[in-house]
Protein backbone atom coordinates (compact mmCIF):
# COMPACT_ATOMS: atom_id res chain seq x y z
CA MET A 1 116.78 79.09 81.29
CA ASN A 2 113.42 77.85 82.91
CA ARG A 3 112.51 80.22 85.64
CA VAL A 4 109.55 78.31 86.92
CA ARG A 5 110.29 76.20 89.89
CA GLN A 6 109.92 72.34 89.56
CA VAL A 7 106.25 71.60 89.83
CA SER A 8 104.24 68.40 89.81
CA ASP A 9 101.74 67.69 87.19
CA HIS A 10 98.83 68.45 89.42
CA ASP A 11 100.02 71.86 90.04
CA ASP A 12 97.79 74.77 88.84
CA VAL A 13 99.09 76.42 85.49
CA ARG A 14 97.79 79.62 87.21
CA VAL A 15 100.56 79.19 89.71
CA ARG A 16 103.26 78.81 87.09
CA PHE A 17 102.26 82.03 85.35
CA VAL A 18 102.30 83.85 88.53
CA GLU A 19 105.67 82.57 89.59
CA THR A 20 107.08 83.23 86.24
CA ALA A 21 105.94 86.75 86.07
CA ILE A 22 107.47 87.22 89.60
CA ALA A 23 110.65 85.82 88.53
CA LEU A 24 110.75 88.05 85.37
CA LEU A 25 109.92 90.94 87.29
CA GLY A 26 112.94 90.51 89.48
CA GLU A 27 115.24 89.82 86.59
CA GLU A 28 114.12 92.12 83.74
CA GLY A 29 111.27 94.35 85.24
CA PRO A 30 107.90 95.66 83.83
CA ALA A 31 108.91 95.34 80.11
CA ALA A 32 108.95 91.64 80.49
CA MET A 33 105.25 91.53 81.29
CA GLN A 34 103.94 90.61 77.90
CA ALA A 35 101.39 87.85 77.38
CA ARG A 36 103.58 86.27 74.44
CA ARG A 37 106.85 86.18 76.47
CA LEU A 38 105.09 84.85 79.83
CA SER A 39 103.53 82.23 77.90
CA ARG A 40 106.63 81.20 76.25
CA GLU A 41 108.47 80.94 79.52
CA VAL A 42 105.81 78.69 81.00
CA GLY A 43 105.56 76.50 78.17
CA ALA A 44 102.00 77.45 77.35
CA SER A 45 100.08 79.07 74.57
CA THR A 46 98.98 82.72 74.72
CA ILE A 47 95.63 81.58 74.48
CA GLY A 48 96.41 79.60 77.70
CA LEU A 49 97.06 82.75 79.57
CA TYR A 50 93.69 84.33 78.39
CA HIS A 51 91.89 81.23 79.32
CA TYR A 52 93.26 80.94 83.02
CA PHE A 53 93.08 84.74 83.73
CA GLY A 54 91.05 86.54 81.14
CA GLY A 55 94.01 88.72 80.19
CA MET A 56 97.08 90.52 81.35
CA PRO A 57 95.44 92.90 83.87
CA GLU A 58 93.88 89.92 85.49
CA LEU A 59 97.21 88.09 85.70
CA LEU A 60 98.93 91.25 87.23
CA THR A 61 96.22 91.43 89.86
CA ALA A 62 97.24 87.61 90.73
CA VAL A 63 100.75 88.64 90.81
CA LYS A 64 100.11 91.50 93.07
CA GLU A 65 98.01 89.27 95.30
CA GLU A 66 100.83 86.73 95.63
CA GLY A 67 103.28 89.61 96.39
CA PHE A 68 101.30 90.68 99.42
CA ARG A 69 100.69 87.09 100.42
CA ARG A 70 104.48 86.55 100.34
CA LEU A 71 104.96 89.63 102.33
CA GLY A 72 102.29 88.53 104.83
CA ASP A 73 104.10 85.31 105.24
CA ARG A 74 107.48 87.11 105.71
CA LEU A 75 106.07 89.17 108.56
CA ALA A 76 104.10 86.17 110.06
CA ALA A 77 107.43 84.42 110.36
CA ILE A 78 109.03 87.10 112.72
CA PRO A 79 109.35 85.41 116.16
CA ARG A 80 106.99 87.02 118.74
CA THR A 81 109.04 87.85 121.75
CA ASP A 82 108.33 89.48 125.18
CA ASP A 83 109.48 92.77 123.56
CA PRO A 84 106.67 93.72 120.85
CA VAL A 85 108.49 97.01 119.89
CA ALA A 86 111.56 94.96 119.00
CA ASP A 87 109.33 92.62 117.23
CA ILE A 88 107.91 95.49 115.08
CA LYS A 89 111.48 96.62 114.38
CA ALA A 90 112.29 93.17 113.11
CA MET A 91 109.01 93.32 110.98
CA ALA A 92 110.25 96.60 109.56
CA LEU A 93 113.64 95.33 108.46
CA ALA A 94 111.96 92.22 106.90
CA TYR A 95 109.48 94.53 104.95
CA ARG A 96 112.54 96.41 103.69
CA GLU A 97 114.26 93.30 102.75
CA THR A 98 111.23 91.96 100.91
CA ALA A 99 111.00 95.18 98.77
CA HIS A 100 114.78 94.94 98.12
CA SER A 101 114.47 91.35 96.92
CA ASN A 102 112.27 92.12 94.12
CA ARG A 103 111.89 96.05 93.81
CA HIS A 104 109.69 95.59 90.61
CA LEU A 105 107.33 93.22 92.32
CA TYR A 106 107.05 95.81 95.21
CA ASP A 107 106.36 98.58 92.75
CA LEU A 108 103.67 96.67 91.04
CA MET A 109 102.02 95.92 94.29
CA PHE A 110 101.57 99.50 95.27
CA GLY A 111 100.98 100.99 91.70
CA PHE A 112 104.24 102.45 90.95
CA SER A 113 105.24 100.74 87.79
CA ALA A 114 103.79 101.12 84.26
CA SER A 115 102.14 97.61 84.69
CA GLY A 116 100.57 98.58 87.96
CA LYS A 117 98.87 101.84 86.86
CA ASP A 118 95.46 100.53 88.02
CA ARG A 119 96.26 102.31 91.27
CA PRO A 120 93.86 101.24 94.11
CA ASN A 121 90.97 103.54 94.70
CA PRO A 122 91.46 104.83 98.26
CA ASN A 123 87.54 104.95 98.66
CA THR A 124 87.19 101.24 98.05
CA ARG A 125 88.79 97.93 99.49
CA LYS A 126 90.46 95.71 96.94
CA GLU A 127 89.08 92.26 97.38
CA TYR A 128 90.78 89.17 95.42
CA ALA A 129 89.22 86.28 94.00
CA ASP A 130 88.69 84.50 97.17
CA GLY A 131 87.11 87.53 98.84
CA SER A 132 89.82 88.31 101.00
CA ASP A 133 91.93 91.46 100.98
CA VAL A 134 95.58 90.21 101.16
CA ALA A 135 97.15 93.73 101.59
CA LEU A 136 95.04 94.25 104.68
CA ASP A 137 95.98 90.66 105.97
CA SER A 138 99.62 91.48 105.83
CA TYR A 139 98.97 94.83 107.60
CA GLY A 140 97.17 93.15 110.07
CA HIS A 141 100.56 91.72 111.57
CA LEU A 142 101.50 95.20 112.37
CA VAL A 143 98.11 95.88 114.15
CA ASP A 144 98.44 92.76 116.17
CA THR A 145 101.84 93.64 117.25
CA ALA A 146 101.03 97.29 117.99
CA GLN A 147 98.18 96.00 120.30
CA ARG A 148 100.75 93.79 122.15
CA ALA A 149 103.17 96.83 122.60
CA MET A 150 100.26 98.79 124.17
CA GLY A 151 99.39 95.71 126.34
CA ALA A 152 103.10 95.67 127.50
CA GLY A 153 103.09 99.37 128.21
CA GLN A 154 105.61 100.24 125.52
CA ILE A 155 103.00 102.38 123.49
CA ARG A 156 100.46 104.63 125.11
CA PRO A 157 96.91 103.35 124.66
CA GLN A 158 95.22 104.24 121.51
CA ASP A 159 93.75 102.59 118.46
CA ALA A 160 96.24 99.87 117.31
CA ALA A 161 95.15 100.36 113.73
CA HIS A 162 95.98 103.89 113.65
CA VAL A 163 99.39 103.10 115.37
CA ALA A 164 100.00 100.40 112.66
CA ALA A 165 98.88 102.84 109.78
CA GLN A 166 101.55 105.32 111.14
CA LEU A 167 104.23 102.70 111.17
CA TRP A 168 103.37 101.50 107.64
CA SER A 169 103.25 104.94 106.26
CA VAL A 170 106.82 105.92 107.60
CA LEU A 171 108.09 102.55 106.65
CA HIS A 172 106.62 102.48 103.06
CA GLY A 173 107.75 106.08 102.67
CA PHE A 174 111.36 105.21 103.62
CA VAL A 175 111.56 102.11 101.41
CA THR A 176 110.11 103.99 98.29
CA LEU A 177 112.60 106.66 98.68
CA GLU A 178 115.46 104.33 99.22
CA LEU A 179 114.68 102.25 96.28
CA ALA A 180 114.33 105.49 94.20
CA GLY A 181 117.92 106.04 95.02
CA HIS A 182 117.27 109.26 97.22
CA PHE A 183 119.44 108.19 99.92
CA HIS A 184 122.75 107.96 98.15
CA HIS A 185 124.50 110.65 100.24
CA VAL A 186 123.79 108.92 103.50
CA ASN A 187 123.95 105.32 105.04
CA ALA A 188 120.19 104.79 104.56
CA LEU A 189 119.93 101.85 107.13
CA ASP A 190 122.05 103.36 109.96
CA GLU A 191 121.54 106.94 109.57
CA VAL A 192 117.97 107.20 108.45
CA PHE A 193 116.12 103.86 108.93
CA LEU A 194 117.03 102.96 112.49
CA PRO A 195 116.93 106.35 113.99
CA MET A 196 113.61 106.86 112.29
CA THR A 197 112.12 103.93 114.01
CA THR A 198 113.55 105.00 117.35
CA ASN A 199 112.17 108.37 117.10
CA LEU A 200 108.92 107.18 116.11
CA PHE A 201 108.52 104.76 119.00
CA ASP A 202 109.77 107.46 121.46
CA GLY A 203 106.91 109.51 120.24
CA LEU A 204 104.43 106.89 120.71
CA ALA A 205 105.53 105.84 124.13
């Protein structure tokens, strides 16, 4: 079965490789991340992969970049209302759903899979081919909404980036534990996730 979306002739082959890699990650996991397998699915030669990316590490970097871009698009699509805290909670749910939709891509994005063993250096900012930091771009949606929550008096005045970092840390920790199956003894959404967000905002208020 062809896993690549229907593309026109002028679409970049790089896009087809990235989309194929993301689809295979979702279906089969990191074991499918092999140059020969990906090239066959795309309908290109293995030499083509090296021509467009330089090698598998560069392709996986492009896959991670696309993963963060999709996450950012998902967060940007959350409607902004006159209740910024409710908006943040909606973003948190969207973040969780995005992770569940392709858990292996999520693992790769954050360096948790064998294919993602090039963990980010905490002392450097990862810049992608166009000079942007896609991970921080997606994180920026939380910063902006935290700033709105402070303007609405829902969160006490402080650095919005610090608030967003706390939110992301709590959310990421929950999602990581949930995907690893550590909440099998409870209803993760109703008994952990929702009370956790309420308690966090009570503390920030």
